[in-house]
Amino acid sequence: MGVSKKVSREDIKAHILLTAKNIFLEKGYLDTSLRDIAKAGDVSIGRMYVYFKKKDDIFYELIKPIDMLIDSLSIDTIAFNDNELEHIESIFSCEIFEETLRKNASLVDSYRDEFILAFFKSEGFEKLDIREKIRLEYKKSHIYMTTILRKHGYIDDRYNEDASINTIAKIYISIYEEYISLEMSDEQKDKYISEMAKFLYYGNLGLMK
């Protein structure tokens, strides 16, 4: 579909992004060029440059919602005070793990194409490493919890925090990858989330012993 001069700037930008998303989903970031996007969208390179100077800008614009969503998935932390252990107990339960996974699954269902781009089509894209982003966000939450648990004597100096962070973060990432890539019915999704919540909960307990 060509782009006429009468179309608004917002519509042209949206047209470019939709065209780019379809090509990135098919070919991936690495094997896609600005010329590919311009040709597929019937937009001149000159007009493309009005909106995006390079394909990095287009790709990040497409996955930016995922970048922002990952920021929102960290647990809420509170100032260390008399209620800190109660706060940890309130968020560290199998039910909370399942609630969190269901929230994440709902976001994946709403932004599936964007998650596919971020996880599976981003080779060569250096502005955002989604797996490292998840690991760092999990690290912040994990350090918050273990600091309080250590303070109250639930874990001691034998606990290897770095190893635990890397292990659990990899599991979280693999859960994302499985959920994004597999075609599952609603019943299968429900069972998968319940099973993974138990796995994460008891896995965390095991690592903290």
Protein backbone atom coordinates (compact mmCIF):
# COMPACT_ATOMS: atom_id res chain seq x y z
CA MET A 1 0.00 0.00 0.00
CA GLY A 2 1.45 3.34 -1.05
CA VAL A 3 1.61 6.37 1.23
CA SER A 4 0.10 9.56 -0.18
CA LYS A 5 0.96 13.11 0.88
CA LYS A 6 -2.53 13.53 2.33
CA VAL A 7 -1.92 10.92 5.02
CA SER A 8 -1.08 12.35 8.45
CA ARG A 9 2.39 12.04 9.92
CA GLU A 10 1.03 9.77 12.64
CA ASP A 11 -0.50 7.45 10.05
CA ILE A 12 2.71 7.31 8.04
CA LYS A 13 4.73 6.48 11.14
CA ALA A 14 2.23 3.79 12.12
CA HIS A 15 2.37 2.37 8.58
CA ILE A 16 6.18 2.21 8.71
CA LEU A 17 6.13 0.52 12.12
CA LEU A 18 3.55 -2.07 11.08
CA THR A 19 5.49 -2.84 7.90
CA ALA A 20 8.74 -3.08 9.85
CA LYS A 21 7.20 -5.34 12.49
CA ASN A 22 6.04 -7.81 9.88
CA ILE A 23 9.46 -7.91 8.23
CA PHE A 24 11.34 -8.19 11.53
CA LEU A 25 9.06 -11.06 12.55
CA GLU A 26 9.84 -12.82 9.29
CA LYS A 27 13.55 -12.06 8.85
CA GLY A 28 14.76 -10.84 12.23
CA TYR A 29 16.59 -7.61 13.07
CA LEU A 30 19.96 -8.70 11.69
CA ASP A 31 18.76 -9.59 8.20
CA THR A 32 16.45 -6.59 7.74
CA SER A 33 17.53 -3.25 6.25
CA LEU A 34 15.87 0.14 6.05
CA ARG A 35 15.56 -0.40 2.30
CA ASP A 36 13.65 -3.65 2.93
CA ILE A 37 11.17 -1.76 5.11
CA ALA A 38 10.88 1.17 2.70
CA LYS A 39 10.28 -1.14 -0.27
CA ALA A 40 7.71 -3.27 1.53
CA GLY A 41 5.86 -0.19 2.76
CA ASP A 42 6.13 1.68 -0.54
CA VAL A 43 7.80 4.57 1.29
CA SER A 44 10.81 6.46 -0.03
CA ILE A 45 14.05 6.30 1.93
CA GLY A 46 13.92 10.07 2.23
CA ARG A 47 10.52 9.94 3.88
CA MET A 48 11.68 7.09 6.13
CA TYR A 49 14.48 9.31 7.45
CA VAL A 50 11.91 11.91 8.54
CA TYR A 51 10.68 9.42 11.14
CA PHE A 52 13.59 7.05 11.75
CA LYS A 53 17.29 7.60 11.11
CA LYS A 54 18.26 3.93 11.38
CA LYS A 55 16.64 0.55 11.80
CA ASP A 56 17.72 0.45 15.47
CA ASP A 57 15.27 3.28 16.13
CA ILE A 58 12.43 1.40 14.45
CA PHE A 59 13.17 -1.87 16.24
CA TYR A 60 13.37 -0.22 19.65
CA GLU A 61 10.15 1.68 19.01
CA LEU A 62 8.48 -1.68 18.43
CA ILE A 63 9.86 -3.39 21.55
CA LYS A 64 9.83 -0.34 23.83
CA PRO A 65 6.56 -1.48 25.49
CA ILE A 66 8.36 -4.68 26.55
CA ASP A 67 11.26 -2.69 27.99
CA MET A 68 8.79 -0.63 30.04
CA LEU A 69 6.75 -3.68 31.07
CA ILE A 70 9.81 -5.47 32.45
CA ASP A 71 10.48 -2.42 34.62
CA SER A 72 6.98 -2.74 36.05
CA LEU A 73 7.35 -6.42 36.97
CA SER A 74 9.82 -5.98 39.84
CA ILE A 75 8.38 -6.54 43.29
CA ASP A 76 7.57 -3.43 45.26
CA THR A 77 10.19 -2.79 47.92
CA ILE A 78 9.73 -0.88 51.14
CA ALA A 79 12.07 0.88 53.49
CA PHE A 80 13.61 -1.48 56.01
CA ASN A 81 11.54 -1.22 59.17
CA ASP A 82 9.69 -3.37 61.70
CA ASN A 83 7.30 -4.64 59.00
CA GLU A 84 9.96 -5.72 56.50
CA LEU A 85 9.83 -9.44 57.34
CA GLU A 86 6.04 -9.36 57.22
CA HIS A 87 6.32 -7.78 53.78
CA ILE A 88 8.64 -10.55 52.57
CA GLU A 89 6.28 -13.21 53.93
CA SER A 90 3.39 -11.55 52.12
CA ILE A 91 5.12 -11.64 48.71
CA PHE A 92 7.04 -14.90 49.08
CA SER A 93 4.37 -17.55 48.68
CA CYS A 94 3.34 -20.02 46.00
CA GLU A 95 0.14 -18.00 45.50
CA ILE A 96 2.08 -14.80 44.84
CA PHE A 97 4.42 -16.58 42.42
CA GLU A 98 1.38 -17.84 40.52
CA GLU A 99 -0.31 -14.44 40.59
CA THR A 100 2.86 -12.84 39.22
CA LEU A 101 3.21 -15.44 36.47
CA ARG A 102 -0.42 -14.96 35.47
CA LYS A 103 0.12 -11.21 35.26
CA ASN A 104 3.20 -11.77 33.10
CA ALA A 105 1.35 -14.29 30.91
CA SER A 106 -1.44 -11.79 30.35
CA LEU A 107 1.10 -9.21 29.22
CA VAL A 108 2.69 -11.71 26.84
CA ASP A 109 -0.73 -12.51 25.37
CA SER A 110 -1.37 -8.78 24.85
CA TYR A 111 2.04 -8.06 23.30
CA ARG A 112 2.95 -11.41 21.77
CA ASP A 113 4.52 -10.03 18.57
CA GLU A 114 6.61 -7.56 20.56
CA PHE A 115 7.78 -10.30 22.93
CA ILE A 116 8.68 -12.51 19.94
CA LEU A 117 10.76 -9.66 18.52
CA ALA A 118 12.52 -8.98 21.82
CA PHE A 119 13.28 -12.64 22.61
CA PHE A 120 13.74 -14.35 19.27
CA LYS A 121 14.28 -11.77 16.53
CA SER A 122 16.73 -9.34 18.13
CA GLU A 123 20.10 -10.87 17.20
CA GLY A 124 22.49 -8.00 16.43
CA PHE A 125 20.39 -5.41 18.27
CA GLU A 126 22.57 -3.86 20.98
CA LYS A 127 20.34 -1.24 22.58
CA LEU A 128 18.38 -3.74 24.67
CA ASP A 129 19.22 -7.29 25.76
CA ILE A 130 15.87 -8.44 27.11
CA ARG A 131 17.29 -11.48 28.89
CA GLU A 132 19.89 -9.40 30.71
CA LYS A 133 17.21 -6.86 31.57
CA ILE A 134 15.08 -9.57 33.20
CA ARG A 135 18.12 -10.91 35.07
CA LEU A 136 18.95 -7.46 36.47
CA GLU A 137 15.35 -6.77 37.48
CA TYR A 138 15.16 -10.13 39.22
CA LYS A 139 18.51 -9.42 40.90
CA LYS A 140 17.13 -6.25 42.49
CA SER A 141 14.12 -8.09 43.90
CA HIS A 142 16.22 -11.05 45.03
CA ILE A 143 18.79 -8.90 46.85
CA TYR A 144 15.98 -7.05 48.60
CA MET A 145 14.50 -10.32 49.87
CA THR A 146 17.76 -12.01 50.84
CA THR A 147 19.03 -8.94 52.67
CA ILE A 148 16.00 -9.06 54.95
CA LEU A 149 16.09 -12.85 55.33
CA ARG A 150 19.79 -12.74 56.23
CA LYS A 151 19.17 -9.95 58.72
CA HIS A 152 16.55 -12.08 60.49
CA GLY A 153 18.67 -15.25 60.46
CA TYR A 154 16.78 -17.21 57.81
CA ILE A 155 19.91 -17.57 55.64
CA ASP A 156 23.60 -17.37 56.53
CA ASP A 157 26.93 -16.60 54.86
CA ARG A 158 27.02 -20.03 53.19
CA TYR A 159 24.22 -18.89 50.88
CA ASN A 160 25.65 -18.18 47.39
CA GLU A 161 23.62 -15.19 46.28
CA ASP A 162 25.17 -14.73 42.82
CA ALA A 163 24.68 -18.38 41.90
CA SER A 164 21.08 -18.29 43.09
CA ILE A 165 20.32 -15.11 41.17
CA ASN A 166 21.74 -16.51 37.94
CA THR A 167 19.99 -19.86 38.37
CA ILE A 168 16.53 -18.48 39.13
CA ALA A 169 16.83 -15.72 36.52
CA LYS A 170 17.60 -18.33 33.86
CA ILE A 171 14.52 -20.26 34.92
CA TYR A 172 12.36 -17.13 34.68
CA ILE A 173 13.74 -16.44 31.21
CA SER A 174 13.11 -20.02 30.07
CA ILE A 175 9.52 -19.73 31.30
CA TYR A 176 9.07 -16.60 29.19
CA GLU A 177 10.59 -18.32 26.17
CA GLU A 178 8.42 -21.41 26.52
CA TYR A 179 5.23 -19.44 27.04
CA ILE A 180 5.95 -17.15 24.09
CA SER A 181 6.95 -19.85 21.64
CA LEU A 182 4.48 -22.63 22.43
CA GLU A 183 0.94 -22.75 21.10
CA MET A 184 -1.20 -23.66 24.11
CA SER A 185 -4.90 -23.77 24.83
CA ASP A 186 -6.25 -21.76 27.76
CA GLU A 187 -6.42 -24.96 29.80
CA GLN A 188 -2.80 -25.81 28.98
CA LYS A 189 -1.70 -22.27 29.83
CA ASP A 190 -3.46 -22.47 33.19
CA LYS A 191 -1.78 -25.78 34.03
CA TYR A 192 1.63 -24.57 32.85
CA ILE A 193 1.46 -21.43 34.99
CA SER A 194 0.40 -23.37 38.09
CA GLU A 195 3.21 -25.89 37.64
CA MET A 196 5.85 -23.22 37.03
CA ALA A 197 4.71 -21.23 40.09
CA LYS A 198 5.27 -24.29 42.29
CA PHE A 199 8.60 -24.96 40.63
CA LEU A 200 9.79 -21.38 41.27
CA TYR A 201 8.52 -21.26 44.84
CA TYR A 202 10.04 -24.52 46.00
CA GLY A 203 13.18 -23.88 43.94
CA ASN A 204 13.72 -20.58 45.72
CA LEU A 205 13.12 -22.25 49.07
CA GLY A 206 15.68 -24.93 48.24
CA LEU A 207 18.32 -22.41 47.24
CA MET A 208 17.83 -20.42 50.43
CA LYS A 209 18.34 -23.38 52.75
